[in-house]
Amino acid sequence: AARKAMQHKIFHGQFALVGGSMDDLMTAFAQLALRIKYAREAHPDWQDKGKGWALGVIQAEMDELCIAVAHESRQRQIDEALDVAATAMRFVMGEHL
């Protein structure tokens, strides 16, 4: 329990250094969790694809984000940024292995 409390305190302190509110952070994490869930349902075929393949998926999402930033609404930009983050997190979690 003490370790968890310390981690929580460190997390809050680190987030405070970069600015923003905890509510904003928690909202962003909730959006990311939902996007990962959606991505897993829509694209369940990540296993055994390898790191090169996964990097290609992340790059394709980055390309879509670049287009959104240049030409589309703020909401579309957020949606594409969440897609980038979700694919990157799937990589971090080793779903491509």
Protein backbone atom coordinates (compact mmCIF):
# COMPACT_ATOMS: atom_id res chain seq x y z
CA ALA A 1 0.00 0.00 0.00
CA ALA A 2 2.83 2.38 0.84
CA ARG A 3 4.53 1.70 -2.49
CA LYS A 4 1.32 2.36 -4.40
CA ALA A 5 0.80 5.62 -2.49
CA MET A 6 4.37 6.67 -3.33
CA GLN A 7 3.89 5.84 -7.02
CA HIS A 8 0.66 7.84 -7.03
CA LYS A 9 2.42 10.81 -5.42
CA ILE A 10 5.32 10.62 -7.89
CA PHE A 11 2.91 10.38 -10.82
CA HIS A 12 0.99 13.44 -9.65
CA GLY A 13 4.24 15.33 -9.12
CA GLN A 14 5.59 14.45 -12.55
CA PHE A 15 2.36 15.45 -14.21
CA ALA A 16 2.33 18.75 -12.32
CA LEU A 17 5.75 19.54 -13.78
CA VAL A 18 4.42 19.47 -17.33
CA GLY A 19 1.24 21.37 -16.52
CA GLY A 20 -2.38 20.45 -16.99
CA SER A 21 -4.99 19.06 -14.69
CA MET A 22 -5.45 15.54 -13.44
CA ASP A 23 -8.96 15.61 -14.88
CA ASP A 24 -7.52 16.30 -18.35
CA LEU A 25 -5.01 13.50 -17.94
CA MET A 26 -7.61 11.00 -16.75
CA THR A 27 -9.91 11.95 -19.62
CA ALA A 28 -7.08 11.41 -22.10
CA PHE A 29 -6.22 8.02 -20.56
CA ALA A 30 -9.87 6.98 -20.71
CA GLN A 31 -10.08 8.00 -24.37
CA LEU A 32 -6.88 6.07 -25.10
CA ALA A 33 -8.16 2.96 -23.32
CA LEU A 34 -11.36 3.04 -25.36
CA ARG A 35 -9.40 3.54 -28.58
CA ILE A 36 -7.16 0.56 -27.79
CA LYS A 37 -10.25 -1.56 -27.11
CA TYR A 38 -11.77 -0.46 -30.42
CA ALA A 39 -8.51 -1.09 -32.29
CA ARG A 40 -8.25 -4.61 -30.88
CA GLU A 41 -11.79 -5.36 -31.99
CA ALA A 42 -11.36 -3.81 -35.45
CA HIS A 43 -7.83 -5.17 -36.04
CA PRO A 44 -7.30 -8.31 -33.95
CA ASP A 45 -4.64 -9.72 -36.29
CA TRP A 46 -1.51 -8.21 -34.72
CA GLN A 47 -0.01 -11.39 -33.23
CA ASP A 48 3.17 -12.67 -34.89
CA LYS A 49 3.31 -9.77 -37.36
CA GLY A 50 6.67 -8.49 -36.14
CA LYS A 51 8.13 -5.13 -35.26
CA GLY A 52 8.57 -3.93 -38.86
CA TRP A 53 4.91 -4.53 -39.61
CA ALA A 54 3.82 -2.82 -36.38
CA LEU A 55 6.05 0.17 -37.12
CA GLY A 56 4.39 0.44 -40.54
CA VAL A 57 0.97 0.57 -38.89
CA ILE A 58 2.16 3.31 -36.53
CA GLN A 59 3.64 5.25 -39.47
CA ALA A 60 0.39 4.95 -41.43
CA GLU A 61 -1.49 6.38 -38.45
CA MET A 62 1.10 9.19 -38.19
CA ASP A 63 0.54 10.00 -41.87
CA GLU A 64 -3.19 10.27 -41.21
CA LEU A 65 -2.51 12.55 -38.23
CA CYS A 66 -0.31 14.82 -40.36
CA ILE A 67 -3.09 15.17 -42.92
CA ALA A 68 -5.64 15.89 -40.19
CA VAL A 69 -3.42 18.56 -38.61
CA ALA A 70 -2.93 20.25 -41.98
CA HIS A 71 -6.50 20.12 -43.25
CA GLU A 72 -9.10 18.90 -40.78
CA SER A 73 -10.99 19.85 -37.63
CA ARG A 74 -9.59 19.79 -34.11
CA GLN A 75 -11.78 16.78 -33.29
CA ARG A 76 -10.46 14.88 -36.29
CA GLN A 77 -6.90 15.73 -35.20
CA ILE A 78 -7.64 14.36 -31.73
CA ASP A 79 -9.14 11.20 -33.22
CA GLU A 80 -6.06 10.61 -35.35
CA ALA A 81 -3.71 11.36 -32.43
CA LEU A 82 -5.57 8.74 -30.40
CA ASP A 83 -5.09 6.26 -33.25
CA VAL A 84 -1.34 6.94 -33.21
CA ALA A 85 -1.22 6.53 -29.43
CA ALA A 86 -3.30 3.35 -29.52
CA THR A 87 -1.12 1.69 -32.15
CA ALA A 88 2.02 2.77 -30.29
CA MET A 89 0.66 1.33 -27.05
CA ARG A 90 -0.18 -1.94 -28.78
CA PHE A 91 3.48 -2.01 -29.82
CA VAL A 92 4.61 -1.25 -26.25
CA MET A 93 2.40 -4.05 -24.95
CA GLY A 94 3.94 -6.47 -27.44
CA GLU A 95 0.79 -7.35 -29.34
CA HIS A 96 2.83 -7.71 -32.55
CA LEU A 97 5.08 -10.41 -31.09
